[in-house]
Amino acid sequence: MPKPKQIIGSVFIIIALVLFILSYITYLNSYHKAVSNVSDFGFLFSGIFWFLVGVIVGAVFFALGLIWLWPRGAKWMAERGKRFYS
Protein backbone atom coordinates (compact mmCIF):
# COMPACT_ATOMS: atom_id res chain seq x y z
CA MET A 1 0.00 0.00 0.00
CA PRO A 2 1.59 3.29 -1.04
CA LYS A 3 1.98 6.04 1.50
CA PRO A 4 0.16 9.37 1.04
CA LYS A 5 3.47 11.12 0.25
CA GLN A 6 4.10 8.66 -2.55
CA ILE A 7 0.66 9.30 -4.01
CA ILE A 8 1.21 13.06 -3.83
CA GLY A 9 4.63 12.60 -5.45
CA SER A 10 3.08 10.64 -8.30
CA VAL A 11 0.47 13.34 -8.81
CA PHE A 12 3.17 16.04 -8.85
CA ILE A 13 5.16 14.14 -11.47
CA ILE A 14 2.05 13.77 -13.62
CA ILE A 15 1.32 17.50 -13.24
CA ALA A 16 4.92 18.26 -14.25
CA LEU A 17 4.65 16.12 -17.36
CA VAL A 18 1.37 17.81 -18.32
CA LEU A 19 3.00 21.22 -17.82
CA PHE A 20 5.93 20.22 -20.04
CA ILE A 21 3.56 19.10 -22.79
CA LEU A 22 1.32 22.17 -22.52
CA SER A 23 4.25 24.58 -22.55
CA TYR A 24 5.64 22.92 -25.67
CA ILE A 25 2.25 23.08 -27.37
CA THR A 26 2.01 26.77 -26.46
CA TYR A 27 5.42 27.39 -27.98
CA LEU A 28 4.51 25.57 -31.18
CA ASN A 29 1.23 27.47 -31.53
CA SER A 30 2.97 30.81 -31.06
CA TYR A 31 5.67 29.81 -33.54
CA HIS A 32 3.09 28.95 -36.17
CA LYS A 33 1.26 32.23 -35.54
CA ALA A 34 4.53 34.13 -35.93
CA VAL A 35 5.34 32.32 -39.17
CA SER A 36 1.89 32.91 -40.63
CA ASN A 37 2.00 36.63 -39.66
CA VAL A 38 5.47 37.40 -41.00
CA SER A 39 5.81 40.88 -39.51
CA ASP A 40 4.52 40.09 -35.99
CA PHE A 41 7.02 38.38 -33.72
CA GLY A 42 5.14 39.23 -30.53
CA PHE A 43 3.49 35.83 -30.70
CA LEU A 44 6.86 34.11 -30.84
CA PHE A 45 8.30 36.01 -27.86
CA SER A 46 5.15 35.38 -25.87
CA GLY A 47 5.37 31.67 -26.69
CA ILE A 48 9.02 31.50 -25.66
CA PHE A 49 8.20 33.24 -22.38
CA TRP A 50 5.36 30.86 -21.51
CA PHE A 51 7.47 27.89 -22.60
CA LEU A 52 10.22 28.89 -20.17
CA VAL A 53 7.72 29.51 -17.37
CA GLY A 54 6.16 26.10 -17.98
CA VAL A 55 9.53 24.35 -17.99
CA ILE A 56 10.68 26.02 -14.76
CA VAL A 57 7.43 25.36 -12.89
CA GLY A 58 7.32 21.81 -14.30
CA ALA A 59 10.88 21.18 -13.12
CA VAL A 60 9.96 22.28 -9.60
CA PHE A 61 6.92 20.01 -9.56
CA PHE A 62 8.97 17.13 -10.96
CA ALA A 63 11.68 17.57 -8.32
CA LEU A 64 9.15 17.71 -5.48
CA GLY A 65 7.33 14.69 -6.85
CA LEU A 66 10.57 12.75 -7.15
CA ILE A 67 11.56 13.63 -3.59
CA TRP A 68 8.19 12.50 -2.22
CA LEU A 69 7.84 9.44 -4.45
CA TRP A 70 11.38 8.06 -4.18
CA PRO A 71 13.38 9.82 -1.42
CA ARG A 72 16.42 7.53 -1.53
CA GLY A 73 16.70 7.83 -5.29
CA ALA A 74 16.39 11.61 -5.14
CA LYS A 75 19.13 11.75 -2.50
CA TRP A 76 21.33 9.48 -4.60
CA MET A 77 20.83 11.73 -7.65
CA ALA A 78 21.70 14.82 -5.62
CA GLU A 79 24.88 13.28 -4.23
CA ARG A 80 26.18 11.38 -7.25
CA GLY A 81 28.36 14.24 -8.47
CA LYS A 82 30.02 14.84 -5.12
CA ARG A 83 32.31 11.83 -5.30
CA PHE A 84 33.67 12.90 -8.69
CA TYR A 85 34.26 16.54 -7.85
CA SER A 86 35.54 16.40 -4.28
PDB file of N, CA and C in Angstrom:
ATOM      1  N   MET A   1       0.848  -1.180   0.000  1.00  0.00           N
ATOM      2  CA  MET A   1       0.000   0.000   0.000  1.00  0.00           C
ATOM      3  C   MET A   1       0.894   1.243   0.000  1.00  0.00           C
ATOM      4  N   PRO A   2       0.755   2.093  -1.003  1.00  0.00           N
ATOM      5  CA  PRO A   2       1.593   3.292  -1.045  1.00  0.00           C
ATOM      6  C   PRO A   2       1.202   4.293   0.038  1.00  0.00           C
ATOM      7  N   LYS A   3       2.205   5.012   0.490  1.00  0.00           N
ATOM      8  CA  LYS A   3       1.984   6.043   1.502  1.00  0.00           C
ATOM      9  C   LYS A   3       1.379   7.280   0.832  1.00  0.00           C
ATOM     10  N   PRO A   4       0.738   8.149   1.634  1.00  0.00           N
ATOM     11  CA  PRO A   4       0.162   9.372   1.041  1.00  0.00           C
ATOM     12  C   PRO A   4       1.207  10.253   0.357  1.00  0.00           C
ATOM     13  N   LYS A   5       2.433  10.319   0.903  1.00  0.00           N
ATOM     14  CA  LYS A   5       3.468  11.124   0.253  1.00  0.00           C
ATOM     15  C   LYS A   5       3.828  10.569  -1.119  1.00  0.00           C
ATOM     16  N   GLN A   6       3.799   9.251  -1.255  1.00  0.00           N
ATOM     17  CA  GLN A   6       4.100   8.657  -2.554  1.00  0.00           C
ATOM     18  C   GLN A   6       3.001   8.950  -3.566  1.00  0.00           C
ATOM     19  N   ILE A   7       1.769   8.970  -3.116  1.00  0.00           N
ATOM     20  CA  ILE A   7       0.655   9.296  -4.014  1.00  0.00           C
ATOM     21  C   ILE A   7       0.759  10.757  -4.450  1.00  0.00           C
ATOM     22  N   ILE A   8       1.051  11.647  -3.498  1.00  0.00           N
ATOM     23  CA  ILE A   8       1.209  13.065  -3.830  1.00  0.00           C
ATOM     24  C   ILE A   8       2.392  13.250  -4.781  1.00  0.00           C
ATOM     25  N   GLY A   9       3.472  12.518  -4.551  1.00  0.00           N
ATOM     26  CA  GLY A   9       4.627  12.595  -5.449  1.00  0.00           C
ATOM     27  C   GLY A   9       4.286  12.158  -6.853  1.00  0.00           C
ATOM     28  N   SER A  10       3.503  11.100  -6.970  1.00  0.00           N
ATOM     29  CA  SER A  10       3.078  10.640  -8.299  1.00  0.00           C
ATOM     30  C   SER A  10       2.218  11.684  -8.995  1.00  0.00           C
ATOM     31  N   VAL A  11       1.331  12.306  -8.244  1.00  0.00           N
ATOM     32  CA  VAL A  11       0.472  13.345  -8.810  1.00  0.00           C
ATOM     33  C   VAL A  11       1.310  14.542  -9.261  1.00  0.00           C
ATOM     34  N   PHE A  12       2.309  14.917  -8.461  1.00  0.00           N
ATOM     35  CA  PHE A  12       3.173  16.040  -8.848  1.00  0.00           C
ATOM     36  C   PHE A  12       3.958  15.730 -10.121  1.00  0.00           C
ATOM     37  N   ILE A  13       4.427  14.502 -10.261  1.00  0.00           N
ATOM     38  CA  ILE A  13       5.163  14.141 -11.472  1.00  0.00           C
ATOM     39  C   ILE A  13       4.233  14.173 -12.684  1.00  0.00           C
ATOM     40  N   ILE A  14       3.011  13.719 -12.523  1.00  0.00           N
ATOM     41  CA  ILE A  14       2.047  13.772 -13.624  1.00  0.00           C
ATOM     42  C   ILE A  14       1.731  15.221 -13.989  1.00  0.00           C
ATOM     43  N   ILE A  15       1.559  16.077 -12.979  1.00  0.00           N
ATOM     44  CA  ILE A  15       1.322  17.500 -13.237  1.00  0.00           C
ATOM     45  C   ILE A  15       2.502  18.105 -13.987  1.00  0.00           C
ATOM     46  N   ALA A  16       3.726  17.735 -13.581  1.00  0.00           N
ATOM     47  CA  ALA A  16       4.919  18.261 -14.249  1.00  0.00           C
ATOM     48  C   ALA A  16       4.954  17.834 -15.709  1.00  0.00           C
ATOM     49  N   LEU A  17       4.643  16.583 -15.982  1.00  0.00           N
ATOM     50  CA  LEU A  17       4.652  16.121 -17.364  1.00  0.00           C
ATOM     51  C   LEU A  17       3.589  16.835 -18.202  1.00  0.00           C
ATOM     52  N   VAL A  18       2.422  17.065 -17.617  1.00  0.00           N
ATOM     53  CA  VAL A  18       1.373  17.807 -18.320  1.00  0.00           C
ATOM     54  C   VAL A  18       1.829  19.238 -18.590  1.00  0.00           C
ATOM     55  N   LEU A  19       2.492  19.869 -17.608  1.00  0.00           N
ATOM     56  CA  LEU A  19       3.002  21.222 -17.820  1.00  0.00           C
ATOM     57  C   LEU A  19       4.051  21.262 -18.920  1.00  0.00           C
ATOM     58  N   PHE A  20       4.936  20.266 -18.964  1.00  0.00           N
ATOM     59  CA  PHE A  20       5.933  20.218 -20.040  1.00  0.00           C
ATOM     60  C   PHE A  20       5.248  20.127 -21.403  1.00  0.00           C
ATOM     61  N   ILE A  21       4.260  19.276 -21.513  1.00  0.00           N
ATOM     62  CA  ILE A  21       3.558  19.097 -22.789  1.00  0.00           C
ATOM     63  C   ILE A  21       2.804  20.361 -23.177  1.00  0.00           C
ATOM     64  N   LEU A  22       2.087  20.957 -22.210  1.00  0.00           N
ATOM     65  CA  LEU A  22       1.321  22.168 -22.516  1.00  0.00           C
ATOM     66  C   LEU A  22       2.223  23.343 -22.878  1.00  0.00           C
ATOM     67  N   SER A  23       3.360  23.481 -22.214  1.00  0.00           N
ATOM     68  CA  SER A  23       4.251  24.584 -22.551  1.00  0.00           C
ATOM     69  C   SER A  23       4.846  24.398 -23.949  1.00  0.00           C
ATOM     70  N   TYR A  24       5.126  23.162 -24.324  1.00  0.00           N
ATOM     71  CA  TYR A  24       5.637  22.916 -25.669  1.00  0.00           C
ATOM     72  C   TYR A  24       4.566  23.194 -26.728  1.00  0.00           C
ATOM     73  N   ILE A  25       3.341  22.800 -26.441  1.00  0.00           N
ATOM     74  CA  ILE A  25       2.245  23.077 -27.375  1.00  0.00           C
ATOM     75  C   ILE A  25       2.033  24.583 -27.518  1.00  0.00           C
ATOM     76  N   THR A  26       2.131  25.313 -26.405  1.00  0.00           N
ATOM     77  CA  THR A  26       2.009  26.774 -26.456  1.00  0.00           C
ATOM     78  C   THR A  26       3.099  27.386 -27.321  1.00  0.00           C
ATOM     79  N   TYR A  27       4.322  26.892 -27.157  1.00  0.00           N
ATOM     80  CA  TYR A  27       5.423  27.391 -27.975  1.00  0.00           C
ATOM     81  C   TYR A  27       5.180  27.110 -29.453  1.00  0.00           C
ATOM     82  N   LEU A  28       4.757  25.896 -29.775  1.00  0.00           N
ATOM     83  CA  LEU A  28       4.512  25.567 -31.179  1.00  0.00           C
ATOM     84  C   LEU A  28       3.396  26.411 -31.782  1.00  0.00           C
ATOM     85  N   ASN A  29       2.325  26.632 -31.021  1.00  0.00           N
ATOM     86  CA  ASN A  29       1.227  27.469 -31.527  1.00  0.00           C
ATOM     87  C   ASN A  29       1.697  28.894 -31.771  1.00  0.00           C
ATOM     88  N   SER A  30       2.489  29.440 -30.860  1.00  0.00           N
ATOM     89  CA  SER A  30       2.970  30.813 -31.056  1.00  0.00           C
ATOM     90  C   SER A  30       3.952  30.886 -32.215  1.00  0.00           C
ATOM     91  N   TYR A  31       4.745  29.844 -32.405  1.00  0.00           N
ATOM     92  CA  TYR A  31       5.666  29.814 -33.538  1.00  0.00           C
ATOM     93  C   TYR A  31       4.897  29.817 -34.855  1.00  0.00           C
ATOM     94  N   HIS A  32       3.859  29.005 -34.927  1.00  0.00           N
ATOM     95  CA  HIS A  32       3.088  28.948 -36.168  1.00  0.00           C
ATOM     96  C   HIS A  32       2.335  30.256 -36.419  1.00  0.00           C
ATOM     97  N   LYS A  33       1.893  30.923 -35.340  1.00  0.00           N
ATOM     98  CA  LYS A  33       1.260  32.235 -35.536  1.00  0.00           C
ATOM     99  C   LYS A  33       2.272  33.261 -36.016  1.00  0.00           C
ATOM    100  N   ALA A  34       3.503  33.189 -35.500  1.00  0.00           N
ATOM    101  CA  ALA A  34       4.532  34.132 -35.935  1.00  0.00           C
ATOM    102  C   ALA A  34       4.938  33.880 -37.378  1.00  0.00           C
ATOM    103  N   VAL A  35       4.968  32.636 -37.795  1.00  0.00           N
ATOM    104  CA  VAL A  35       5.338  32.322 -39.174  1.00  0.00           C
ATOM    105  C   VAL A  35       4.234  32.734 -40.140  1.00  0.00           C
ATOM    106  N   SER A  36       2.979  32.548 -39.724  1.00  0.00           N
ATOM    107  CA  SER A  36       1.888  32.912 -40.627  1.00  0.00           C
ATOM    108  C   SER A  36       1.724  34.433 -40.725  1.00  0.00           C
ATOM    109  N   ASN A  37       2.008  35.160 -39.650  1.00  0.00           N
ATOM    110  CA  ASN A  37       2.002  36.629 -39.665  1.00  0.00           C
ATOM    111  C   ASN A  37       3.456  37.076 -39.673  1.00  0.00           C
ATOM    112  N   VAL A  38       4.023  37.229 -40.845  1.00  0.00           N
ATOM    113  CA  VAL A  38       5.466  37.404 -40.996  1.00  0.00           C
ATOM    114  C   VAL A  38       5.998  38.596 -40.215  1.00  0.00           C
ATOM    115  N   SER A  39       5.272  39.681 -40.127  1.00  0.00           N
ATOM    116  CA  SER A  39       5.813  40.878 -39.506  1.00  0.00           C
ATOM    117  C   SER A  39       5.589  40.937 -37.991  1.00  0.00           C
ATOM    118  N   ASP A  40       4.851  40.006 -37.410  1.00  0.00           N
ATOM    119  CA  ASP A  40       4.515  40.090 -35.989  1.00  0.00           C
ATOM    120  C   ASP A  40       5.220  38.974 -35.211  1.00  0.00           C
ATOM    121  N   PHE A  41       6.293  39.355 -34.512  1.00  0.00           N
ATOM    122  CA  PHE A  41       7.023  38.378 -33.718  1.00  0.00           C
ATOM    123  C   PHE A  41       6.641  38.420 -32.246  1.00  0.00           C
ATOM    124  N   GLY A  42       5.622  39.202 -31.906  1.00  0.00           N
ATOM    125  CA  GLY A  42       5.141  39.230 -30.529  1.00  0.00           C
ATOM    126  C   GLY A  42       4.608  37.881 -30.089  1.00  0.00           C
ATOM    127  N   PHE A  43       3.979  37.166 -31.025  1.00  0.00           N
ATOM    128  CA  PHE A  43       3.486  35.829 -30.703  1.00  0.00           C
ATOM    129  C   PHE A  43       4.636  34.899 -30.334  1.00  0.00           C
ATOM    130  N   LEU A  44       5.721  34.991 -31.081  1.00  0.00           N
ATOM    131  CA  LEU A  44       6.864  34.112 -30.837  1.00  0.00           C
ATOM    132  C   LEU A  44       7.495  34.397 -29.478  1.00  0.00           C
ATOM    133  N   PHE A  45       7.695  35.672 -29.150  1.00  0.00           N
ATOM    134  CA  PHE A  45       8.302  36.010 -27.865  1.00  0.00           C
ATOM    135  C   PHE A  45       7.388  35.635 -26.711  1.00  0.00           C
ATOM    136  N   SER A  46       6.105  35.796 -26.894  1.00  0.00           N
ATOM    137  CA  SER A  46       5.149  35.375 -25.872  1.00  0.00           C
ATOM    138  C   SER A  46       5.197  33.862 -25.683  1.00  0.00           C
ATOM    139  N   GLY A  47       5.285  33.121 -26.772  1.00  0.00           N
ATOM    140  CA  GLY A  47       5.375  31.671 -26.686  1.00  0.00           C
ATOM    141  C   GLY A  47       6.645  31.203 -26.005  1.00  0.00           C
ATOM    142  N   ILE A  48       7.760  31.855 -26.311  1.00  0.00           N
ATOM    143  CA  ILE A  48       9.022  31.495 -25.665  1.00  0.00           C
ATOM    144  C   ILE A  48       8.940  31.770 -24.169  1.00  0.00           C
ATOM    145  N   PHE A  49       8.346  32.907 -23.792  1.00  0.00           N
ATOM    146  CA  PHE A  49       8.200  33.243 -22.378  1.00  0.00           C
ATOM    147  C   PHE A  49       7.377  32.190 -21.651  1.00  0.00           C
ATOM    148  N   TRP A  50       6.214  31.831 -22.188  1.00  0.00           N
ATOM    149  CA  TRP A  50       5.361  30.856 -21.512  1.00  0.00           C
ATOM    150  C   TRP A  50       5.968  29.457 -21.542  1.00  0.00           C
ATOM    151  N   PHE A  51       6.762  29.168 -22.569  1.00  0.00           N
ATOM    152  CA  PHE A  51       7.473  27.894 -22.600  1.00  0.00           C
ATOM    153  C   PHE A  51       8.472  27.819 -21.453  1.00  0.00           C
ATOM    154  N   LEU A  52       9.236  28.882 -21.254  1.00  0.00           N
ATOM    155  CA  LEU A  52      10.218  28.890 -20.166  1.00  0.00           C
ATOM    156  C   LEU A  52       9.551  28.844 -18.803  1.00  0.00           C
ATOM    157  N   VAL A  53       8.450  29.566 -18.645  1.00  0.00           N
ATOM    158  CA  VAL A  53       7.717  29.515 -17.374  1.00  0.00           C
ATOM    159  C   VAL A  53       7.209  28.095 -17.116  1.00  0.00           C
ATOM    160  N   GLY A  54       6.661  27.458 -18.128  1.00  0.00           N
ATOM    161  CA  GLY A  54       6.159  26.097 -17.976  1.00  0.00           C
ATOM    162  C   GLY A  54       7.260  25.101 -17.645  1.00  0.00           C
ATOM    163  N   VAL A  55       8.420  25.268 -18.261  1.00  0.00           N
ATOM    164  CA  VAL A  55       9.531  24.354 -17.994  1.00  0.00           C
ATOM    165  C   VAL A  55      10.055  24.541 -16.566  1.00  0.00           C
ATOM    166  N   ILE A  56      10.167  25.773 -16.110  1.00  0.00           N
ATOM    167  CA  ILE A  56      10.676  26.021 -14.758  1.00  0.00           C
ATOM    168  C   ILE A  56       9.696  25.505 -13.708  1.00  0.00           C
ATOM    169  N   VAL A  57       8.430  25.833 -13.862  1.00  0.00           N
ATOM    170  CA  VAL A  57       7.428  25.359 -12.890  1.00  0.00           C
ATOM    171  C   VAL A  57       7.312  23.838 -12.955  1.00  0.00           C
ATOM    172  N   GLY A  58       7.360  23.262 -14.152  1.00  0.00           N
ATOM    173  CA  GLY A  58       7.322  21.813 -14.296  1.00  0.00           C
ATOM    174  C   GLY A  58       8.521  21.138 -13.654  1.00  0.00           C
ATOM    175  N   ALA A  59       9.689  21.749 -13.751  1.00  0.00           N
ATOM    176  CA  ALA A  59      10.879  21.179 -13.122  1.00  0.00           C
ATOM    177  C   ALA A  59      10.752  21.182 -11.599  1.00  0.00           C
ATOM    178  N   VAL A  60      10.173  22.234 -11.048  1.00  0.00           N
ATOM    179  CA  VAL A  60       9.963  22.280  -9.601  1.00  0.00           C
ATOM    180  C   VAL A  60       8.986  21.197  -9.170  1.00  0.00           C
ATOM    181  N   PHE A  61       7.881  21.062  -9.882  1.00  0.00           N
ATOM    182  CA  PHE A  61       6.918  20.009  -9.557  1.00  0.00           C
ATOM    183  C   PHE A  61       7.542  18.617  -9.713  1.00  0.00           C
ATOM    184  N   PHE A  62       8.340  18.426 -10.751  1.00  0.00           N
ATOM    185  CA  PHE A  62       8.973  17.134 -10.962  1.00  0.00           C
ATOM    186  C   PHE A  62       9.948  16.808  -9.834  1.00  0.00           C
ATOM    187  N   ALA A  63      10.728  17.794  -9.412  1.00  0.00           N
ATOM    188  CA  ALA A  63      11.677  17.567  -8.321  1.00  0.00           C
ATOM    189  C   ALA A  63      10.956  17.247  -7.016  1.00  0.00           C
ATOM    190  N   LEU A  64       9.909  17.997  -6.701  1.00  0.00           N
ATOM    191  CA  LEU A  64       9.153  17.705  -5.479  1.00  0.00           C
ATOM    192  C   LEU A  64       8.493  16.334  -5.554  1.00  0.00           C
ATOM    193  N   GLY A  65       7.941  16.003  -6.691  1.00  0.00           N
ATOM    194  CA  GLY A  65       7.330  14.688  -6.852  1.00  0.00           C
ATOM    195  C   GLY A  65       8.335  13.566  -6.714  1.00  0.00           C
ATOM    196  N   LEU A  66       9.533  13.766  -7.270  1.00  0.00           N
ATOM    197  CA  LEU A  66      10.570  12.750  -7.154  1.00  0.00           C
ATOM    198  C   LEU A  66      11.032  12.589  -5.704  1.00  0.00           C
ATOM    199  N   ILE A  67      11.154  13.694  -4.992  1.00  0.00           N
ATOM    200  CA  ILE A  67      11.561  13.632  -3.587  1.00  0.00           C
ATOM    201  C   ILE A  67      10.519  12.896  -2.762  1.00  0.00           C
ATOM    202  N   TRP A  68       9.242  13.156  -3.003  1.00  0.00           N
ATOM    203  CA  TRP A  68       8.193  12.501  -2.222  1.00  0.00           C
ATOM    204  C   TRP A  68       7.926  11.070  -2.664  1.00  0.00           C
ATOM    205  N   LEU A  69       8.109  10.783  -3.945  1.00  0.00           N
ATOM    206  CA  LEU A  69       7.844   9.443  -4.446  1.00  0.00           C
ATOM    207  C   LEU A  69       8.990   8.479  -4.123  1.00  0.00           C
ATOM    208  N   TRP A  70      10.215   8.936  -4.308  1.00  0.00           N
ATOM    209  CA  TRP A  70      11.375   8.061  -4.176  1.00  0.00           C
ATOM    210  C   TRP A  70      12.497   8.813  -3.472  1.00  0.00           C
ATOM    211  N   PRO A  71      12.415   8.983  -2.139  1.00  0.00           N
ATOM    212  CA  PRO A  71      13.381   9.821  -1.421  1.00  0.00           C
ATOM    213  C   PRO A  71      14.831   9.329  -1.522  1.00  0.00           C
ATOM    214  N   ARG A  72      15.044   8.030  -1.447  1.00  0.00           N
ATOM    215  CA  ARG A  72      16.425   7.526  -1.531  1.00  0.00           C
ATOM    216  C   ARG A  72      17.012   7.758  -2.921  1.00  0.00           C
ATOM    217  N   GLY A  73      16.215   7.594  -3.934  1.00  0.00           N
ATOM    218  CA  GLY A  73      16.699   7.834  -5.290  1.00  0.00           C
ATOM    219  C   GLY A  73      16.992   9.303  -5.531  1.00  0.00           C
ATOM    220  N   ALA A  74      16.155  10.175  -4.987  1.00  0.00           N
ATOM    221  CA  ALA A  74      16.393  11.613  -5.139  1.00  0.00           C
ATOM    222  C   ALA A  74      17.671  12.022  -4.413  1.00  0.00           C
ATOM    223  N   LYS A  75      17.899  11.445  -3.243  1.00  0.00           N
ATOM    224  CA  LYS A  75      19.127  11.745  -2.497  1.00  0.00           C
ATOM    225  C   LYS A  75      20.341  11.232  -3.257  1.00  0.00           C
ATOM    226  N   TRP A  76      20.231  10.038  -3.827  1.00  0.00           N
ATOM    227  CA  TRP A  76      21.334   9.480  -4.604  1.00  0.00           C
ATOM    228  C   TRP A  76      21.653  10.365  -5.809  1.00  0.00           C
ATOM    229  N   MET A  77      20.604  10.854  -6.489  1.00  0.00           N
ATOM    230  CA  MET A  77      20.829  11.727  -7.647  1.00  0.00           C
ATOM    231  C   MET A  77      21.491  13.035  -7.248  1.00  0.00           C
ATOM    232  N   ALA A  78      21.116  13.562  -6.080  1.00  0.00           N
ATOM    233  CA  ALA A  78      21.699  14.816  -5.622  1.00  0.00           C
ATOM    234  C   ALA A  78      23.161  14.651  -5.224  1.00  0.00           C
ATOM    235  N   GLU A  79      23.524  13.485  -4.723  1.00  0.00           N
ATOM    236  CA  GLU A  79      24.882  13.281  -4.227  1.00  0.00           C
ATOM    237  C   GLU A  79      25.804  12.573  -5.207  1.00  0.00           C
ATOM    238  N   ARG A  80      25.341  12.185  -6.353  1.00  0.00           N
ATOM    239  CA  ARG A  80      26.176  11.384  -7.245  1.00  0.00           C
ATOM    240  C   ARG A  80      27.346  12.154  -7.826  1.00  0.00           C
ATOM    241  N   GLY A  81      27.255  13.462  -7.944  1.00  0.00           N
ATOM    242  CA  GLY A  81      28.364  14.241  -8.471  1.00  0.00           C
ATOM    243  C   GLY A  81      29.406  14.589  -7.430  1.00  0.00           C
ATOM    244  N   LYS A  82      29.083  14.440  -6.175  1.00  0.00           N
ATOM    245  CA  LYS A  82      30.022  14.836  -5.120  1.00  0.00           C
ATOM    246  C   LYS A  82      31.273  13.966  -5.103  1.00  0.00           C
ATOM    247  N   ARG A  83      31.147  12.692  -5.369  1.00  0.00           N
ATOM    248  CA  ARG A  83      32.313  11.829  -5.297  1.00  0.00           C
ATOM    249  C   ARG A  83      33.283  12.078  -6.451  1.00  0.00           C
ATOM    250  N   PHE A  84      32.791  12.627  -7.559  1.00  0.00           N
ATOM    251  CA  PHE A  84      33.674  12.902  -8.692  1.00  0.00           C
ATOM    252  C   PHE A  84      34.367  14.257  -8.577  1.00  0.00           C
ATOM    253  N   TYR A  85      33.735  15.185  -7.895  1.00  0.00           N
ATOM    254  CA  TYR A  85      34.261  16.542  -7.854  1.00  0.00           C
ATOM    255  C   TYR A  85      34.905  16.914  -6.527  1.00  0.00           C
ATOM    256  N   SER A  86      34.893  16.026  -5.541  1.00  0.00           N
ATOM    257  CA  SER A  86      35.539  16.398  -4.285  1.00  0.00           C
ATOM    258  C   SER A  86      36.830  15.652  -4.073  1.00  0.00           C
TER     259      SER A  86
END
